[in-house]
Protein backbone atom coordinates (compact mmCIF):
# COMPACT_ATOMS: atom_id res chain seq x y z
CA MET A 1 0.00 0.00 0.00
CA LYS A 2 1.53 3.29 -1.05
CA ALA A 3 0.71 6.99 -0.83
CA THR A 4 2.76 9.91 -2.10
CA THR A 5 3.32 13.50 -1.00
CA VAL A 6 5.45 16.21 -2.61
CA LEU A 7 7.51 18.46 -0.33
CA PRO A 8 8.81 21.42 -2.44
CA ILE A 9 11.91 23.05 -0.95
CA LEU A 10 12.56 25.77 -3.55
CA PRO A 11 9.29 26.55 -5.38
CA LEU A 12 9.83 30.33 -5.25
CA CYS A 13 13.25 30.12 -6.91
CA GLN A 14 11.82 27.95 -9.69
CA ARG A 15 9.15 30.59 -10.43
CA LEU A 16 11.51 33.56 -10.29
CA PHE A 17 14.42 32.02 -12.22
CA PRO A 18 13.07 29.73 -14.94
CA TRP A 19 16.09 29.95 -17.21
CA ARG A 20 19.04 27.51 -17.17
CA LEU A 21 22.76 28.20 -16.97
CA ALA A 22 24.98 25.90 -19.07
CA GLY A 23 22.33 23.19 -18.90
CA LEU A 24 22.05 23.35 -15.12
CA SER A 25 19.00 24.77 -13.39
CA ILE A 26 19.29 27.35 -10.63
CA THR A 27 17.69 24.80 -8.32
CA LEU A 28 20.37 22.23 -9.09
CA LEU A 29 23.14 24.78 -8.61
CA LYS A 30 21.71 25.82 -5.26
CA ALA A 31 21.29 22.19 -4.19
CA THR A 32 24.89 21.39 -5.17
CA ALA A 33 26.22 24.39 -3.24
CA LEU A 34 24.18 23.31 -0.22
CA GLU A 35 25.54 19.76 -0.47
CA ILE A 36 29.11 21.08 -0.50
CA ALA A 37 28.45 23.31 2.51
CA ILE A 38 26.84 20.47 4.43
CA LEU A 39 29.71 18.13 3.58
CA ALA A 40 32.25 20.67 4.84
CA GLY A 41 30.36 21.15 8.08
CA HIS A 42 29.88 17.43 8.54
CA LEU A 43 33.59 16.76 8.11
CA LEU A 44 34.22 19.14 11.02
CA LEU A 45 31.63 17.39 13.20
CA TYR A 46 32.54 13.85 12.16
CA PRO A 47 35.18 13.23 14.88
CA SER A 48 32.64 14.10 17.59
CA GLY A 49 30.42 11.22 16.51
CA ILE A 50 32.96 8.42 16.17
CA THR A 51 32.38 6.98 19.64
CA GLN A 52 29.06 5.58 20.82
CA GLU A 53 27.02 8.03 22.84
CA ARG A 54 26.63 7.48 26.56
CA ARG A 55 23.45 5.73 27.59
CA ALA A 56 21.72 7.23 30.60
CA ALA A 57 19.24 5.03 32.40
CA ALA A 58 15.74 6.43 32.14
CA ALA A 59 14.22 7.48 35.45
CA LEU A 60 11.09 5.36 35.79
CA PRO A 61 8.32 6.64 38.09
CA GLN A 62 7.90 5.07 41.52
CA PRO A 63 4.95 2.67 41.83
CA ASP A 64 3.23 4.86 44.46
CA ALA A 65 3.98 8.17 42.72
CA PRO A 66 0.98 10.13 41.33
CA GLN A 67 0.65 9.70 37.57
CA LEU A 68 0.19 12.88 35.57
CA PRO A 69 -2.15 12.67 32.56
CA THR A 70 0.60 13.43 30.05
CA GLU A 71 1.49 11.35 27.00
CA ARG A 72 4.98 9.88 26.99
CA LYS A 73 6.31 10.00 23.46
CA LEU A 74 8.13 6.97 22.15
CA PRO A 75 11.93 6.93 22.04
CA VAL A 76 13.44 7.75 18.65
CA VAL A 77 16.40 5.77 17.32
CA LEU A 78 18.58 7.45 14.66
CA LEU A 79 20.59 5.29 12.27
CA HIS A 80 23.22 6.84 9.98
CA GLY A 81 24.28 5.92 6.47
CA PHE A 82 27.30 4.28 4.86
CA ILE A 83 30.74 5.45 6.17
CA ASP A 84 29.06 7.94 8.48
CA ASN A 85 28.26 8.26 12.19
CA ARG A 86 25.77 9.81 14.60
CA SER A 87 27.13 13.35 14.08
CA VAL A 88 25.00 13.61 10.92
CA PHE A 89 21.92 13.94 13.15
CA VAL A 90 23.03 16.91 15.28
CA LEU A 91 20.42 19.30 13.86
CA LEU A 92 17.65 16.72 13.63
CA ARG A 93 18.17 15.72 17.28
CA ARG A 94 17.90 19.35 18.33
CA SER A 95 14.70 19.78 16.31
CA LEU A 96 13.12 16.65 17.80
CA ALA A 97 14.09 17.68 21.34
CA GLN A 98 12.63 21.16 20.87
CA HIS A 99 9.31 19.59 19.92
CA GLY A 100 8.95 17.21 22.82
CA ARG A 101 11.06 14.20 21.83
CA GLN A 102 13.28 14.00 24.88
CA HIS A 103 14.42 10.41 24.42
CA VAL A 104 16.48 10.31 21.21
CA GLU A 105 19.39 7.91 20.75
CA SER A 106 21.80 7.16 17.92
CA LEU A 107 23.42 3.86 17.05
CA ASN A 108 26.85 3.81 15.46
CA TYR A 109 27.74 0.77 13.40
CA SER A 110 31.28 0.23 12.14
CA PRO A 111 32.21 1.28 8.57
CA LEU A 112 33.81 -2.17 8.43
CA THR A 113 30.38 -3.80 8.78
CA CYS A 114 30.06 -6.10 5.78
CA ASP A 115 26.51 -7.39 6.08
CA ILE A 116 23.17 -5.59 6.37
CA ARG A 117 21.75 -8.63 8.17
CA THR A 118 24.41 -8.44 10.90
CA ALA A 119 23.82 -4.71 11.35
CA ALA A 120 20.07 -5.37 11.61
CA GLU A 121 20.65 -7.91 14.38
CA LEU A 122 22.76 -5.35 16.25
CA LEU A 123 19.97 -2.81 15.83
CA GLY A 124 17.50 -5.29 17.28
CA ARG A 125 19.61 -5.79 20.42
CA HIS A 126 19.96 -2.03 20.76
CA ILE A 127 16.20 -1.52 20.54
CA GLU A 128 15.54 -4.26 23.11
CA GLU A 129 17.89 -2.47 25.49
CA ILE A 130 16.22 0.91 24.89
CA CYS A 131 12.78 -0.56 25.58
CA GLU A 132 14.05 -2.12 28.79
CA ARG A 133 15.58 1.15 30.01
CA SER A 134 12.72 3.40 28.96
CA GLY A 135 9.77 1.24 29.90
CA HIS A 136 8.31 1.57 26.38
CA ARG A 137 7.25 -1.41 24.30
CA GLU A 138 7.98 0.30 21.00
CA VAL A 139 10.29 2.87 19.42
CA ASP A 140 10.31 5.00 16.28
CA ILE A 141 13.29 4.89 13.92
CA VAL A 142 14.72 7.46 11.51
CA GLY A 143 17.29 5.99 9.13
CA HIS A 144 19.39 7.89 6.61
CA SER A 145 20.41 6.07 3.41
CA LEU A 146 21.86 2.64 4.34
CA GLY A 147 20.57 3.12 7.89
CA GLY A 148 17.01 3.00 6.58
CA LEU A 149 17.72 -0.25 4.73
CA ILE A 150 19.19 -1.83 7.87
CA ALA A 151 16.13 -0.80 9.89
CA ARG A 152 13.77 -2.08 7.19
CA TYR A 153 15.51 -5.45 7.19
CA TYR A 154 15.13 -5.65 10.97
CA VAL A 155 11.42 -4.82 10.74
CA GLN A 156 10.56 -7.11 7.81
CA ARG A 157 12.89 -10.06 8.21
CA LEU A 158 13.77 -10.24 11.92
CA GLY A 159 10.37 -9.60 13.50
CA GLY A 160 11.18 -6.02 14.41
CA ASP A 161 7.66 -4.83 13.56
CA VAL A 162 6.62 -5.73 17.13
CA LYS A 163 9.12 -3.16 18.43
CA VAL A 164 9.04 -0.44 15.75
CA ARG A 165 5.88 1.69 15.42
CA THR A 166 7.09 4.01 12.64
CA LEU A 167 10.15 3.76 10.40
CA VAL A 168 11.14 6.96 8.58
CA THR A 169 13.74 6.57 5.85
CA LEU A 170 15.71 9.40 4.22
CA GLY A 171 17.20 8.71 0.81
CA THR A 172 17.21 4.94 1.35
CA PRO A 173 17.75 2.72 -1.73
CA HIS A 174 14.71 0.51 -1.16
CA SER A 175 14.94 -0.94 -4.68
CA GLY A 176 18.73 -0.75 -4.85
CA THR A 177 20.99 1.88 -6.41
CA ARG A 178 23.56 1.59 -9.21
CA ILE A 179 25.58 4.63 -8.15
CA ALA A 180 29.41 4.45 -7.71
CA PRO A 181 30.17 1.04 -9.26
CA LEU A 182 33.82 1.39 -8.19
CA LEU A 183 32.68 0.84 -4.58
CA ASP A 184 31.48 -2.69 -5.34
CA ALA A 185 34.56 -4.04 -3.59
CA HIS A 186 32.74 -3.37 -0.32
CA PRO A 187 30.25 -6.21 0.42
CA ILE A 188 27.63 -3.92 1.95
CA VAL A 189 27.64 -1.73 -1.18
CA ARG A 190 26.97 -4.83 -3.28
CA GLN A 191 24.01 -5.58 -1.02
CA MET A 192 22.57 -2.17 -1.93
CA ARG A 193 22.55 -3.00 -5.65
CA PRO A 194 19.34 -3.82 -7.52
CA GLY A 195 18.80 -7.58 -7.54
CA SER A 196 21.07 -8.32 -4.57
CA GLU A 197 20.05 -11.06 -2.13
CA VAL A 198 19.10 -8.48 0.50
CA ILE A 199 16.96 -6.42 -1.90
CA GLU A 200 15.25 -9.59 -3.12
CA GLU A 201 14.57 -10.70 0.46
CA LEU A 202 12.88 -7.37 1.15
CA LYS A 203 10.60 -7.91 -1.85
CA GLN A 204 9.23 -11.12 -0.35
CA PRO A 205 5.76 -11.17 1.25
CA SER A 206 5.50 -9.53 4.68
CA PRO A 207 1.95 -10.27 5.80
CA ASP A 208 0.72 -8.66 9.01
CA CYS A 209 3.69 -6.27 9.25
CA ARG A 210 2.60 -3.71 11.85
CA THR A 211 5.23 -1.01 11.28
CA ARG A 212 4.26 2.14 9.35
CA PHE A 213 6.81 3.37 6.80
CA VAL A 214 7.47 6.93 5.62
CA SER A 215 10.08 7.32 2.90
CA PHE A 216 11.51 10.74 2.03
CA TRP A 217 13.14 10.84 -1.40
CA SER A 218 14.63 13.76 -3.30
CA ASP A 219 14.44 14.56 -6.99
CA LEU A 220 18.07 15.72 -6.79
CA ASP A 221 19.49 12.81 -4.79
CA GLN A 222 22.78 12.04 -6.52
CA MET A 223 23.16 8.76 -4.61
CA MET A 224 20.01 7.19 -6.06
CA ASP A 225 20.13 5.59 -9.50
CA PRO A 226 17.34 5.50 -10.49
CA LEU A 227 15.89 8.33 -8.41
CA ASP A 228 12.69 6.51 -7.50
CA SER A 229 14.66 3.65 -5.93
CA ALA A 230 14.27 5.62 -2.69
CA CYS A 231 10.49 5.13 -2.90
CA LEU A 232 9.06 2.22 -0.94
CA ASP A 233 6.49 0.19 -2.87
CA HIS A 234 5.51 -3.15 -1.33
CA PRO A 235 1.98 -4.64 -1.41
CA ASP A 236 2.12 -5.77 2.23
CA LEU A 237 3.54 -2.60 3.78
CA THR A 238 1.76 0.57 4.85
CA ALA A 239 4.10 3.03 3.11
CA HIS A 240 3.89 6.77 2.51
CA ASN A 241 6.41 8.29 0.08
CA VAL A 242 7.28 11.97 0.41
CA GLN A 243 8.97 13.59 -2.58
CA VAL A 244 11.35 16.39 -1.60
CA SER A 245 12.20 18.93 -4.31
CA GLY A 246 15.38 20.98 -4.46
CA ILE A 247 17.90 19.31 -2.13
CA GLY A 248 20.38 16.47 -2.38
CA HIS A 249 21.26 13.36 -0.42
CA LEU A 250 23.30 14.95 2.38
CA ALA A 251 20.67 17.61 3.07
CA LEU A 252 17.88 15.14 3.87
CA PRO A 253 18.81 14.66 7.58
CA VAL A 254 19.72 18.36 7.92
CA HIS A 255 17.13 20.51 6.17
CA PRO A 256 14.54 22.07 8.53
CA ALA A 257 11.67 21.38 6.10
CA VAL A 258 12.48 17.67 6.15
CA ALA A 259 12.82 17.76 9.95
CA ASN A 260 9.33 19.24 10.11
CA GLY A 261 8.05 16.44 7.88
CA ILE A 262 9.74 13.84 10.08
CA ARG A 263 8.09 15.28 13.19
CA GLN A 264 4.71 15.14 11.47
CA ALA A 265 5.31 11.54 10.48
CA LEU A 266 6.20 10.59 14.06
CA ASP A 267 3.50 12.60 15.82
CA ALA A 268 0.41 12.53 13.62
CA GLU A 269 -0.70 8.92 14.03
CA GLU A 270 -4.24 9.55 12.85
CA GLY A 271 -2.96 11.53 9.89
CA MET A 272 -0.71 8.62 8.99
CA LYS A 273 -3.65 6.23 9.00
CA ALA A 274 -5.62 8.54 6.72
CA ARG A 275 -2.76 8.85 4.24
CA ALA A 276 -2.20 5.09 4.29
CA ALA A 277 -5.85 4.74 3.29
CA GLY A 278 -5.17 6.81 0.19
CA ARG A 279 -5.21 10.51 1.14
CA THR A 280 -2.20 12.49 -0.07
CA ASP A 281 -1.81 15.55 2.12
CA GLY A 282 0.80 18.09 1.07
CA LEU A 283 3.71 19.36 3.10
CA THR A 284 4.62 22.81 1.80
CA VAL A 285 7.53 25.11 2.62
CA ALA A 286 6.99 28.80 1.94
């Protein structure tokens, strides 16, 4: 089951500057400049995210303590992409915390990880530990690129749908990507190719999967070949695809418009059910 939304990032620029320079649109030039700026900033932050973050035990209420009628939001687990670490989520974590998501954790997996299945098993142990510490039965996950594929494998193939309420993916190659063939020496890159064993496993039937999926994909994502490989289309999954216009792959976990869309996906449960039933609400940035 699939629904689609378009999230335009630069509609005003497209109206004001319709001409093209040397075959490149103004939107593409702006997106490329933004990608370069984000890459430079991320390289500065990268060392700060190499080590795993410290896990603080959640303070559970005493049995005889009065219970306030406030809703406890589910923990959010952030999972980075290939050859990356948790520092990519600095801005997204701040945005989630400012809007009431106080329990946000990141999982680092080694760049030497050679199997999506192994990483998915590690994710499962991590989620079990979070649920035990927090007292929650479920979590939400936001995965960027490869991180979304690892989380999807955990949900579909390892029974993770009993622990994951909503899985949000950002630029994840759900159907596989052909980009950068020179990186095929790395086993996990080969697993992200169309037709790989992992991609074929994810195409298999997944009846009764309880997790809701929201996939953000960009029309300027240089890591997706073809572009719509970041869309999730599976007959057994409740999936909502959000097209983002005007930004590239690195900007997906950083851009404030996408962060707003992620918060809506995590918070608006009733809205998610309506969209899964076929409604296609729009998310617009002025």
